[in-house]
Amino acid sequence: YSRIRAINEVALGEIELWSKSAAAQLDAQLRERRRAFAR
């Protein structure tokens, strides 16, 4: 259980970071576009 849990946790960490990276990329461009409108 300890061994497989460690494997699963690393896999989940990679999937979560992948999901966050996609969301962050979108947030960054949305944020820049709103700043552009303000400028």
PDB file of all heavy atoms in Angstrom:
ATOM      1  N   TYR A   1       0.834  -1.212   0.000  1.00  0.00           N
ATOM      2  CA  TYR A   1       0.000   0.000   0.000  1.00  0.00           C
ATOM      3  C   TYR A   1       0.866   1.258   0.000  1.00  0.00           C
ATOM      4  O   TYR A   1       0.622   2.193  -0.766  1.00  0.00           O
ATOM      5  CB  TYR A   1      -0.919  -0.008   1.220  1.00  0.00           C
ATOM      6  CG  TYR A   1      -1.640   1.307   1.445  1.00  0.00           C
ATOM      7  CD1 TYR A   1      -2.722   1.673   0.658  1.00  0.00           C
ATOM      8  CD2 TYR A   1      -1.218   2.202   2.433  1.00  0.00           C
ATOM      9  CE1 TYR A   1      -3.373   2.886   0.846  1.00  0.00           C
ATOM     10  CE2 TYR A   1      -1.853   3.404   2.629  1.00  0.00           C
ATOM     11  CZ  TYR A   1      -2.937   3.747   1.838  1.00  0.00           C
ATOM     12  OH  TYR A   1      -3.558   4.947   2.023  1.00  0.00           O
ATOM     13  N   SER A   2       1.910   1.268   0.851  1.00  0.00           N
ATOM     14  CA  SER A   2       2.789   2.438   0.927  1.00  0.00           C
ATOM     15  C   SER A   2       3.472   2.693  -0.416  1.00  0.00           C
ATOM     16  O   SER A   2       3.584   3.841  -0.865  1.00  0.00           O
ATOM     17  CB  SER A   2       3.848   2.244   2.017  1.00  0.00           C
ATOM     18  OG  SER A   2       3.255   2.146   3.286  1.00  0.00           O
ATOM     19  N   ARG A   3       3.926   1.613  -1.049  1.00  0.00           N
ATOM     20  CA  ARG A   3       4.623   1.754  -2.332  1.00  0.00           C
ATOM     21  C   ARG A   3       3.686   2.285  -3.414  1.00  0.00           C
ATOM     22  O   ARG A   3       4.024   3.216  -4.155  1.00  0.00           O
ATOM     23  CB  ARG A   3       5.206   0.397  -2.744  1.00  0.00           C
ATOM     24  CG  ARG A   3       5.900   0.395  -4.096  1.00  0.00           C
ATOM     25  CD  ARG A   3       7.330   0.895  -3.967  1.00  0.00           C
ATOM     26  NE  ARG A   3       7.984   0.905  -5.267  1.00  0.00           N
ATOM     27  CZ  ARG A   3       8.595  -0.128  -5.828  1.00  0.00           C
ATOM     28  NH1 ARG A   3       8.624  -1.291  -5.186  1.00  0.00           N
ATOM     29  NH2 ARG A   3       9.185  -0.018  -6.992  1.00  0.00           N
ATOM     30  N   ILE A   4       2.490   1.697  -3.530  1.00  0.00           N
ATOM     31  CA  ILE A   4       1.566   2.102  -4.596  1.00  0.00           C
ATOM     32  C   ILE A   4       1.008   3.493  -4.320  1.00  0.00           C
ATOM     33  O   ILE A   4       0.801   4.280  -5.251  1.00  0.00           O
ATOM     34  CB  ILE A   4       0.435   1.064  -4.750  1.00  0.00           C
ATOM     35  CG1 ILE A   4       1.044  -0.271  -5.190  1.00  0.00           C
ATOM     36  CG2 ILE A   4      -0.591   1.524  -5.771  1.00  0.00           C
ATOM     37  CD1 ILE A   4       0.058  -1.404  -5.256  1.00  0.00           C
ATOM     38  N   ARG A   5       0.768   3.801  -3.059  1.00  0.00           N
ATOM     39  CA  ARG A   5       0.278   5.146  -2.734  1.00  0.00           C
ATOM     40  C   ARG A   5       1.288   6.198  -3.180  1.00  0.00           C
ATOM     41  O   ARG A   5       0.909   7.252  -3.721  1.00  0.00           O
ATOM     42  CB  ARG A   5       0.030   5.277  -1.225  1.00  0.00           C
ATOM     43  CG  ARG A   5      -0.571   6.631  -0.831  1.00  0.00           C
ATOM     44  CD  ARG A   5      -0.749   6.743   0.665  1.00  0.00           C
ATOM     45  NE  ARG A   5       0.520   6.698   1.350  1.00  0.00           N
ATOM     46  CZ  ARG A   5       0.660   6.734   2.682  1.00  0.00           C
ATOM     47  NH1 ARG A   5      -0.419   6.799   3.448  1.00  0.00           N
ATOM     48  NH2 ARG A   5       1.845   6.692   3.237  1.00  0.00           N
ATOM     49  N   ALA A   6       2.580   5.924  -2.969  1.00  0.00           N
ATOM     50  CA  ALA A   6       3.619   6.865  -3.407  1.00  0.00           C
ATOM     51  C   ALA A   6       3.585   7.034  -4.926  1.00  0.00           C
ATOM     52  O   ALA A   6       3.709   8.159  -5.439  1.00  0.00           O
ATOM     53  CB  ALA A   6       4.994   6.366  -2.954  1.00  0.00           C
ATOM     54  N   ILE A   7       3.401   5.927  -5.659  1.00  0.00           N
ATOM     55  CA  ILE A   7       3.311   6.004  -7.127  1.00  0.00           C
ATOM     56  C   ILE A   7       2.106   6.848  -7.535  1.00  0.00           C
ATOM     57  O   ILE A   7       2.203   7.732  -8.388  1.00  0.00           O
ATOM     58  CB  ILE A   7       3.204   4.585  -7.725  1.00  0.00           C
ATOM     59  CG1 ILE A   7       4.488   3.798  -7.465  1.00  0.00           C
ATOM     60  CG2 ILE A   7       2.916   4.648  -9.225  1.00  0.00           C
ATOM     61  CD1 ILE A   7       4.388   2.311  -7.807  1.00  0.00           C
ATOM     62  N   ASN A   8       0.947   6.561  -6.924  1.00  0.00           N
ATOM     63  CA  ASN A   8      -0.280   7.295  -7.262  1.00  0.00           C
ATOM     64  C   ASN A   8      -0.161   8.778  -6.952  1.00  0.00           C
ATOM     65  O   ASN A   8      -0.639   9.629  -7.716  1.00  0.00           O
ATOM     66  CB  ASN A   8      -1.469   6.701  -6.511  1.00  0.00           C
ATOM     67  CG  ASN A   8      -1.892   5.347  -7.057  1.00  0.00           C
ATOM     68  OD1 ASN A   8      -1.272   4.830  -7.988  1.00  0.00           O
ATOM     69  ND2 ASN A   8      -2.928   4.769  -6.494  1.00  0.00           N
ATOM     70  N   GLU A   9       0.463   9.099  -5.810  1.00  0.00           N
ATOM     71  CA  GLU A   9       0.573  10.506  -5.420  1.00  0.00           C
ATOM     72  C   GLU A   9       1.443  11.294  -6.396  1.00  0.00           C
ATOM     73  O   GLU A   9       1.130  12.443  -6.730  1.00  0.00           O
ATOM     74  CB  GLU A   9       1.138  10.611  -3.996  1.00  0.00           C
ATOM     75  CG  GLU A   9       0.112  10.245  -2.930  1.00  0.00           C
ATOM     76  CD  GLU A   9       0.699  10.247  -1.525  1.00  0.00           C
ATOM     77  OE1 GLU A   9       1.951  10.361  -1.398  1.00  0.00           O
ATOM     78  OE2 GLU A   9      -0.076  10.124  -0.552  1.00  0.00           O
ATOM     79  N   VAL A  10       2.516  10.684  -6.859  1.00  0.00           N
ATOM     80  CA  VAL A  10       3.369  11.369  -7.841  1.00  0.00           C
ATOM     81  C   VAL A  10       2.608  11.553  -9.151  1.00  0.00           C
ATOM     82  O   VAL A  10       2.678  12.616  -9.781  1.00  0.00           O
ATOM     83  CB  VAL A  10       4.676  10.583  -8.078  1.00  0.00           C
ATOM     84  CG1 VAL A  10       5.503  11.243  -9.169  1.00  0.00           C
ATOM     85  CG2 VAL A  10       5.493  10.515  -6.790  1.00  0.00           C
ATOM     86  N   ALA A  11       1.865  10.524  -9.565  1.00  0.00           N
ATOM     87  CA  ALA A  11       1.076  10.623 -10.798  1.00  0.00           C
ATOM     88  C   ALA A  11       0.022  11.721 -10.674  1.00  0.00           C
ATOM     89  O   ALA A  11      -0.165  12.531 -11.593  1.00  0.00           O
ATOM     90  CB  ALA A  11       0.413   9.280 -11.099  1.00  0.00           C
ATOM     91  N   LEU A  12      -0.664  11.761  -9.531  1.00  0.00           N
ATOM     92  CA  LEU A  12      -1.685  12.800  -9.316  1.00  0.00           C
ATOM     93  C   LEU A  12      -1.060  14.189  -9.307  1.00  0.00           C
ATOM     94  O   LEU A  12      -1.642  15.155  -9.820  1.00  0.00           O
ATOM     95  CB  LEU A  12      -2.416  12.546  -7.993  1.00  0.00           C
ATOM     96  CG  LEU A  12      -3.415  11.385  -7.993  1.00  0.00           C
ATOM     97  CD1 LEU A  12      -3.954  11.146  -6.589  1.00  0.00           C
ATOM     98  CD2 LEU A  12      -4.570  11.667  -8.954  1.00  0.00           C
ATOM     99  N   GLY A  13       0.144  14.297  -8.718  1.00  0.00           N
ATOM    100  CA  GLY A  13       0.835  15.586  -8.705  1.00  0.00           C
ATOM    101  C   GLY A  13       1.134  16.071 -10.110  1.00  0.00           C
ATOM    102  O   GLY A  13       0.967  17.263 -10.421  1.00  0.00           O
ATOM    103  N   GLU A  14       1.558  15.152 -10.977  1.00  0.00           N
ATOM    104  CA  GLU A  14       1.865  15.539 -12.366  1.00  0.00           C
ATOM    105  C   GLU A  14       0.597  15.948 -13.115  1.00  0.00           C
ATOM    106  O   GLU A  14       0.589  16.933 -13.860  1.00  0.00           O
ATOM    107  CB  GLU A  14       2.550  14.383 -13.088  1.00  0.00           C
ATOM    108  CG  GLU A  14       2.986  14.757 -14.507  1.00  0.00           C
ATOM    109  CD  GLU A  14       3.726  13.651 -15.222  1.00  0.00           C
ATOM    110  OE1 GLU A  14       4.079  12.651 -14.577  1.00  0.00           O
ATOM    111  OE2 GLU A  14       3.931  13.785 -16.447  1.00  0.00           O
ATOM    112  N   ILE A  15      -0.491  15.191 -12.906  1.00  0.00           N
ATOM    113  CA  ILE A  15      -1.757  15.518 -13.577  1.00  0.00           C
ATOM    114  C   ILE A  15      -2.290  16.865 -13.092  1.00  0.00           C
ATOM    115  O   ILE A  15      -2.755  17.690 -13.883  1.00  0.00           O
ATOM    116  CB  ILE A  15      -2.791  14.397 -13.331  1.00  0.00           C
ATOM    117  CG1 ILE A  15      -2.346  13.110 -14.026  1.00  0.00           C
ATOM    118  CG2 ILE A  15      -4.171  14.816 -13.819  1.00  0.00           C
ATOM    119  CD1 ILE A  15      -3.145  11.882 -13.637  1.00  0.00           C
ATOM    120  N   GLU A  16      -2.199  17.092 -11.788  1.00  0.00           N
ATOM    121  CA  GLU A  16      -2.693  18.353 -11.235  1.00  0.00           C
ATOM    122  C   GLU A  16      -1.880  19.535 -11.760  1.00  0.00           C
ATOM    123  O   GLU A  16      -2.443  20.578 -12.116  1.00  0.00           O
ATOM    124  CB  GLU A  16      -2.635  18.303  -9.706  1.00  0.00           C
ATOM    125  CG  GLU A  16      -3.243  19.536  -9.035  1.00  0.00           C
ATOM    126  CD  GLU A  16      -3.194  19.468  -7.527  1.00  0.00           C
ATOM    127  OE1 GLU A  16      -2.337  18.742  -6.977  1.00  0.00           O
ATOM    128  OE2 GLU A  16      -4.005  20.153  -6.883  1.00  0.00           O
ATOM    129  N   LEU A  17      -0.556  19.377 -11.821  1.00  0.00           N
ATOM    130  CA  LEU A  17       0.283  20.460 -12.334  1.00  0.00           C
ATOM    131  C   LEU A  17      -0.014  20.721 -13.806  1.00  0.00           C
ATOM    132  O   LEU A  17      -0.040  21.870 -14.246  1.00  0.00           O
ATOM    133  CB  LEU A  17       1.753  20.108 -12.147  1.00  0.00           C
ATOM    134  CG  LEU A  17       2.764  21.191 -12.575  1.00  0.00           C
ATOM    135  CD1 LEU A  17       2.529  22.485 -11.801  1.00  0.00           C
ATOM    136  CD2 LEU A  17       4.193  20.712 -12.374  1.00  0.00           C
ATOM    137  N   TRP A  18      -0.241  19.658 -14.572  1.00  0.00           N
ATOM    138  CA  TRP A  18      -0.603  19.808 -15.983  1.00  0.00           C
ATOM    139  C   TRP A  18      -1.898  20.607 -16.124  1.00  0.00           C
ATOM    140  O   TRP A  18      -1.998  21.529 -16.933  1.00  0.00           O
ATOM    141  CB  TRP A  18      -0.754  18.425 -16.613  1.00  0.00           C
ATOM    142  CG  TRP A  18      -1.452  18.413 -17.938  1.00  0.00           C
ATOM    143  CD1 TRP A  18      -0.970  18.864 -19.138  1.00  0.00           C
ATOM    144  CD2 TRP A  18      -2.777  17.923 -18.201  1.00  0.00           C
ATOM    145  NE1 TRP A  18      -1.912  18.676 -20.127  1.00  0.00           N
ATOM    146  CE2 TRP A  18      -3.025  18.094 -19.581  1.00  0.00           C
ATOM    147  CE3 TRP A  18      -3.763  17.344 -17.413  1.00  0.00           C
ATOM    148  CZ2 TRP A  18      -4.227  17.723 -20.181  1.00  0.00           C
ATOM    149  CZ3 TRP A  18      -4.969  16.960 -18.001  1.00  0.00           C
ATOM    150  CH2 TRP A  18      -5.180  17.153 -19.367  1.00  0.00           C
ATOM    151  N   SER A  19      -2.893  20.261 -15.311  1.00  0.00           N
ATOM    152  CA  SER A  19      -4.176  20.967 -15.352  1.00  0.00           C
ATOM    153  C   SER A  19      -4.010  22.434 -14.944  1.00  0.00           C
ATOM    154  O   SER A  19      -4.571  23.337 -15.572  1.00  0.00           O
ATOM    155  CB  SER A  19      -5.172  20.266 -14.420  1.00  0.00           C
ATOM    156  OG  SER A  19      -6.399  20.952 -14.371  1.00  0.00           O
ATOM    157  N   LYS A  20      -3.216  22.650 -13.883  1.00  0.00           N
ATOM    158  CA  LYS A  20      -2.983  24.026 -13.432  1.00  0.00           C
ATOM    159  C   LYS A  20      -2.234  24.844 -14.482  1.00  0.00           C
ATOM    160  O   LYS A  20      -2.489  26.040 -14.652  1.00  0.00           O
ATOM    161  CB  LYS A  20      -2.185  24.018 -12.124  1.00  0.00           C
ATOM    162  CG  LYS A  20      -2.994  23.674 -10.892  1.00  0.00           C
ATOM    163  CD  LYS A  20      -2.131  23.766  -9.640  1.00  0.00           C
ATOM    164  CE  LYS A  20      -2.932  23.498  -8.385  1.00  0.00           C
ATOM    165  NZ  LYS A  20      -2.087  23.568  -7.169  1.00  0.00           N
ATOM    166  N   SER A  21      -1.291  24.213 -15.185  1.00  0.00           N
ATOM    167  CA  SER A  21      -0.514  24.923 -16.203  1.00  0.00           C
ATOM    168  C   SER A  21      -1.413  25.405 -17.334  1.00  0.00           C
ATOM    169  O   SER A  21      -1.265  26.531 -17.832  1.00  0.00           O
ATOM    170  CB  SER A  21       0.584  24.016 -16.766  1.00  0.00           C
ATOM    171  OG  SER A  21       1.517  23.692 -15.772  1.00  0.00           O
ATOM    172  N   ALA A  22      -2.352  24.539 -17.736  1.00  0.00           N
ATOM    173  CA  ALA A  22      -3.296  24.932 -18.784  1.00  0.00           C
ATOM    174  C   ALA A  22      -4.163  26.093 -18.311  1.00  0.00           C
ATOM    175  O   ALA A  22      -4.378  27.077 -19.042  1.00  0.00           O
ATOM    176  CB  ALA A  22      -4.162  23.741 -19.182  1.00  0.00           C
ATOM    177  N   ALA A  23      -4.664  25.988 -17.076  1.00  0.00           N
ATOM    178  CA  ALA A  23      -5.515  27.051 -16.531  1.00  0.00           C
ATOM    179  C   ALA A  23      -4.725  28.343 -16.352  1.00  0.00           C
ATOM    180  O   ALA A  23      -5.234  29.444 -16.642  1.00  0.00           O
ATOM    181  CB  ALA A  23      -6.107  26.598 -15.195  1.00  0.00           C
ATOM    182  N   ALA A  24      -3.483  28.233 -15.894  1.00  0.00           N
ATOM    183  CA  ALA A  24      -2.667  29.428 -15.660  1.00  0.00           C
ATOM    184  C   ALA A  24      -2.348  30.141 -16.969  1.00  0.00           C
ATOM    185  O   ALA A  24      -2.333  31.375 -17.037  1.00  0.00           O
ATOM    186  CB  ALA A  24      -1.376  29.042 -14.950  1.00  0.00           C
ATOM    187  N   GLN A  25      -2.083  29.350 -18.034  1.00  0.00           N
ATOM    188  CA  GLN A  25      -1.806  29.946 -19.343  1.00  0.00           C
ATOM    189  C   GLN A  25      -3.016  30.759 -19.819  1.00  0.00           C
ATOM    190  O   GLN A  25      -2.878  31.882 -20.307  1.00  0.00           O
ATOM    191  CB  GLN A  25      -1.488  28.826 -20.337  1.00  0.00           C
ATOM    192  CG  GLN A  25      -1.053  29.317 -21.696  1.00  0.00           C
ATOM    193  CD  GLN A  25      -0.911  28.194 -22.702  1.00  0.00           C
ATOM    194  OE1 GLN A  25      -0.873  28.447 -23.892  1.00  0.00           O
ATOM    195  NE2 GLN A  25      -0.866  26.959 -22.244  1.00  0.00           N
ATOM    196  N   LEU A  26      -4.201  30.170 -19.643  1.00  0.00           N
ATOM    197  CA  LEU A  26      -5.434  30.866 -20.029  1.00  0.00           C
ATOM    198  C   LEU A  26      -5.647  32.104 -19.165  1.00  0.00           C
ATOM    199  O   LEU A  26      -5.953  33.194 -19.678  1.00  0.00           O
ATOM    200  CB  LEU A  26      -6.615  29.903 -19.893  1.00  0.00           C
ATOM    201  CG  LEU A  26      -8.007  30.483 -20.185  1.00  0.00           C
ATOM    202  CD1 LEU A  26      -8.079  31.053 -21.590  1.00  0.00           C
ATOM    203  CD2 LEU A  26      -9.076  29.407 -19.987  1.00  0.00           C
ATOM    204  N   ASP A  27      -5.462  31.952 -17.852  1.00  0.00           N
ATOM    205  CA  ASP A  27      -5.640  33.096 -16.945  1.00  0.00           C
ATOM    206  C   ASP A  27      -4.685  34.233 -17.294  1.00  0.00           C
ATOM    207  O   ASP A  27      -5.063  35.408 -17.245  1.00  0.00           O
ATOM    208  CB  ASP A  27      -5.407  32.655 -15.491  1.00  0.00           C
ATOM    209  CG  ASP A  27      -6.534  31.790 -14.959  1.00  0.00           C
ATOM    210  OD1 ASP A  27      -7.643  31.858 -15.527  1.00  0.00           O
ATOM    211  OD2 ASP A  27      -6.301  31.045 -13.989  1.00  0.00           O
ATOM    212  N   ALA A  28      -3.449  33.878 -17.623  1.00  0.00           N
ATOM    213  CA  ALA A  28      -2.456  34.902 -17.943  1.00  0.00           C
ATOM    214  C   ALA A  28      -2.879  35.707 -19.166  1.00  0.00           C
ATOM    215  O   ALA A  28      -2.781  36.950 -19.182  1.00  0.00           O
ATOM    216  CB  ALA A  28      -1.096  34.254 -18.184  1.00  0.00           C
ATOM    217  N   GLN A  29      -3.375  35.005 -20.202  1.00  0.00           N
ATOM    218  CA  GLN A  29      -3.758  35.735 -21.424  1.00  0.00           C
ATOM    219  C   GLN A  29      -5.064  36.497 -21.234  1.00  0.00           C
ATOM    220  O   GLN A  29      -5.246  37.586 -21.801  1.00  0.00           O
ATOM    221  CB  GLN A  29      -3.835  34.760 -22.594  1.00  0.00           C
ATOM    222  CG  GLN A  29      -2.478  34.132 -22.889  1.00  0.00           C
ATOM    223  CD  GLN A  29      -2.331  33.609 -24.295  1.00  0.00           C
ATOM    224  OE1 GLN A  29      -3.015  34.062 -25.214  1.00  0.00           O
ATOM    225  NE2 GLN A  29      -1.415  32.668 -24.482  1.00  0.00           N
ATOM    226  N   LEU A  30      -5.972  35.962 -20.426  1.00  0.00           N
ATOM    227  CA  LEU A  30      -7.188  36.716 -20.089  1.00  0.00           C
ATOM    228  C   LEU A  30      -6.835  37.982 -19.316  1.00  0.00           C
ATOM    229  O   LEU A  30      -7.366  39.079 -19.572  1.00  0.00           O
ATOM    230  CB  LEU A  30      -8.131  35.851 -19.256  1.00  0.00           C
ATOM    231  CG  LEU A  30      -8.833  34.696 -19.971  1.00  0.00           C
ATOM    232  CD1 LEU A  30      -9.577  33.828 -18.964  1.00  0.00           C
ATOM    233  CD2 LEU A  30      -9.808  35.222 -21.022  1.00  0.00           C
ATOM    234  N   ARG A  31      -5.910  37.823 -18.372  1.00  0.00           N
ATOM    235  CA  ARG A  31      -5.484  38.969 -17.562  1.00  0.00           C
ATOM    236  C   ARG A  31      -4.802  40.028 -18.422  1.00  0.00           C
ATOM    237  O   ARG A  31      -5.069  41.227 -18.288  1.00  0.00           O
ATOM    238  CB  ARG A  31      -4.547  38.469 -16.463  1.00  0.00           C
ATOM    239  CG  ARG A  31      -4.158  39.521 -15.445  1.00  0.00           C
ATOM    240  CD  ARG A  31      -3.480  38.894 -14.234  1.00  0.00           C
ATOM    241  NE  ARG A  31      -2.315  38.102 -14.606  1.00  0.00           N
ATOM    242  CZ  ARG A  31      -2.263  36.771 -14.487  1.00  0.00           C
ATOM    243  NH1 ARG A  31      -3.302  36.093 -14.021  1.00  0.00           N
ATOM    244  NH2 ARG A  31      -1.165  36.107 -14.836  1.00  0.00           N
ATOM    245  N   GLU A  32      -3.933  39.593 -19.321  1.00  0.00           N
ATOM    246  CA  GLU A  32      -3.239  40.549 -20.198  1.00  0.00           C
ATOM    247  C   GLU A  32      -4.224  41.260 -21.123  1.00  0.00           C
ATOM    248  O   GLU A  32      -4.076  42.449 -21.402  1.00  0.00           O
ATOM    249  CB  GLU A  32      -2.170  39.824 -21.021  1.00  0.00           C
ATOM    250  CG  GLU A  32      -0.941  39.401 -20.238  1.00  0.00           C
ATOM    251  CD  GLU A  32      -0.158  40.578 -19.665  1.00  0.00           C
ATOM    252  OE1 GLU A  32      -0.218  41.685 -20.248  1.00  0.00           O
ATOM    253  OE2 GLU A  32       0.494  40.401 -18.626  1.00  0.00           O
ATOM    254  N   ARG A  33      -5.243  40.509 -21.593  1.00  0.00           N
ATOM    255  CA  ARG A  33      -6.228  41.148 -22.476  1.00  0.00           C
ATOM    256  C   ARG A  33      -7.028  42.206 -21.724  1.00  0.00           C
ATOM    257  O   ARG A  33      -7.301  43.295 -22.255  1.00  0.00           O
ATOM    258  CB  ARG A  33      -7.144  40.077 -23.077  1.00  0.00           C
ATOM    259  CG  ARG A  33      -8.214  40.626 -24.047  1.00  0.00           C
ATOM    260  CD  ARG A  33      -7.611  41.484 -25.169  1.00  0.00           C
ATOM    261  NE  ARG A  33      -6.593  40.792 -25.904  1.00  0.00           N
ATOM    262  CZ  ARG A  33      -6.822  40.035 -26.977  1.00  0.00           C
ATOM    263  NH1 ARG A  33      -8.063  39.895 -27.418  1.00  0.00           N
ATOM    264  NH2 ARG A  33      -5.821  39.458 -27.596  1.00  0.00           N
ATOM    265  N   ARG A  34      -7.394  41.918 -20.484  1.00  0.00           N
ATOM    266  CA  ARG A  34      -8.143  42.912 -19.698  1.00  0.00           C
ATOM    267  C   ARG A  34      -7.268  44.135 -19.422  1.00  0.00           C
ATOM    268  O   ARG A  34      -7.748  45.280 -19.439  1.00  0.00           O
ATOM    269  CB  ARG A  34      -8.630  42.284 -18.393  1.00  0.00           C
ATOM    270  CG  ARG A  34      -9.708  41.222 -18.607  1.00  0.00           C
ATOM    271  CD  ARG A  34     -10.349  40.778 -17.306  1.00  0.00           C
ATOM    272  NE  ARG A  34     -11.391  39.784 -17.537  1.00  0.00           N
ATOM    273  CZ  ARG A  34     -11.236  38.473 -17.370  1.00  0.00           C
ATOM    274  NH1 ARG A  34     -10.070  38.010 -16.914  1.00  0.00           N
ATOM    275  NH2 ARG A  34     -12.220  37.643 -17.619  1.00  0.00           N
ATOM    276  N   ARG A  35      -5.985  43.899 -19.141  1.00  0.00           N
ATOM    277  CA  ARG A  35      -5.069  45.031 -18.959  1.00  0.00           C
ATOM    278  C   ARG A  35      -4.961  45.845 -20.239  1.00  0.00           C
ATOM    279  O   ARG A  35      -4.876  47.081 -20.208  1.00  0.00           O
ATOM    280  CB  ARG A  35      -3.688  44.525 -18.558  1.00  0.00           C
ATOM    281  CG  ARG A  35      -3.586  44.034 -17.124  1.00  0.00           C
ATOM    282  CD  ARG A  35      -2.201  43.479 -16.861  1.00  0.00           C
ATOM    283  NE  ARG A  35      -2.043  43.029 -15.492  1.00  0.00           N
ATOM    284  CZ  ARG A  35      -1.004  42.349 -15.047  1.00  0.00           C
ATOM    285  NH1 ARG A  35      -0.021  42.029 -15.878  1.00  0.00           N
ATOM    286  NH2 ARG A  35      -0.925  41.971 -13.785  1.00  0.00           N
ATOM    287  N   ALA A  36      -4.948  45.134 -21.371  1.00  0.00           N
ATOM    288  CA  ALA A  36      -4.853  45.837 -22.658  1.00  0.00           C
ATOM    289  C   ALA A  36      -6.070  46.731 -22.879  1.00  0.00           C
ATOM    290  O   ALA A  36      -5.940  47.874 -23.347  1.00  0.00           O
ATOM    291  CB  ALA A  36      -4.721  44.824 -23.790  1.00  0.00           C
ATOM    292  N   PHE A  37      -7.267  46.210 -22.545  1.00  0.00           N
ATOM    293  CA  PHE A  37      -8.471  47.043 -22.662  1.00  0.00           C
ATOM    294  C   PHE A  37      -8.347  48.286 -21.789  1.00  0.00           C
ATOM    295  O   PHE A  37      -8.677  49.406 -22.212  1.00  0.00           O
ATOM    296  CB  PHE A  37      -9.705  46.240 -22.247  1.00  0.00           C
ATOM    297  CG  PHE A  37     -10.231  45.323 -23.320  1.00  0.00           C
ATOM    298  CD1 PHE A  37     -10.493  43.994 -23.055  1.00  0.00           C
ATOM    299  CD2 PHE A  37     -10.475  45.791 -24.612  1.00  0.00           C
ATOM    300  CE1 PHE A  37     -10.973  43.139 -24.027  1.00  0.00           C
ATOM    301  CE2 PHE A  37     -10.963  44.945 -25.598  1.00  0.00           C
ATOM    302  CZ  PHE A  37     -11.206  43.609 -25.311  1.00  0.00           C
ATOM    303  N   ALA A  38      -7.868  48.085 -20.544  1.00  0.00           N
ATOM    304  CA  ALA A  38      -7.728  49.219 -19.624  1.00  0.00           C
ATOM    305  C   ALA A  38      -6.722  50.236 -20.161  1.00  0.00           C
ATOM    306  O   ALA A  38      -6.958  51.456 -20.089  1.00  0.00           O
ATOM    307  CB  ALA A  38      -7.292  48.718 -18.249  1.00  0.00           C
ATOM    308  N   ARG A  39      -5.595  49.738 -20.721  1.00  0.00           N
ATOM    309  CA  ARG A  39      -4.590  50.669 -21.262  1.00  0.00           C
ATOM    310  C   ARG A  39      -5.121  51.428 -22.478  1.00  0.00           C
ATOM    311  O   ARG A  39      -4.840  52.614 -22.654  1.00  0.00           O
ATOM    312  CB  ARG A  39      -3.322  49.887 -21.621  1.00  0.00           C
ATOM    313  CG  ARG A  39      -2.491  49.439 -20.435  1.00  0.00           C
ATOM    314  CD  ARG A  39      -1.104  48.986 -20.855  1.00  0.00           C
ATOM    315  NE  ARG A  39      -1.145  47.771 -21.662  1.00  0.00           N
ATOM    316  CZ  ARG A  39      -0.984  46.549 -21.174  1.00  0.00           C
ATOM    317  NH1 ARG A  39      -0.781  46.378 -19.878  1.00  0.00           N
ATOM    318  NH2 ARG A  39      -1.039  45.490 -21.963  1.00  0.00           N
TER     319      ARG A  39
END
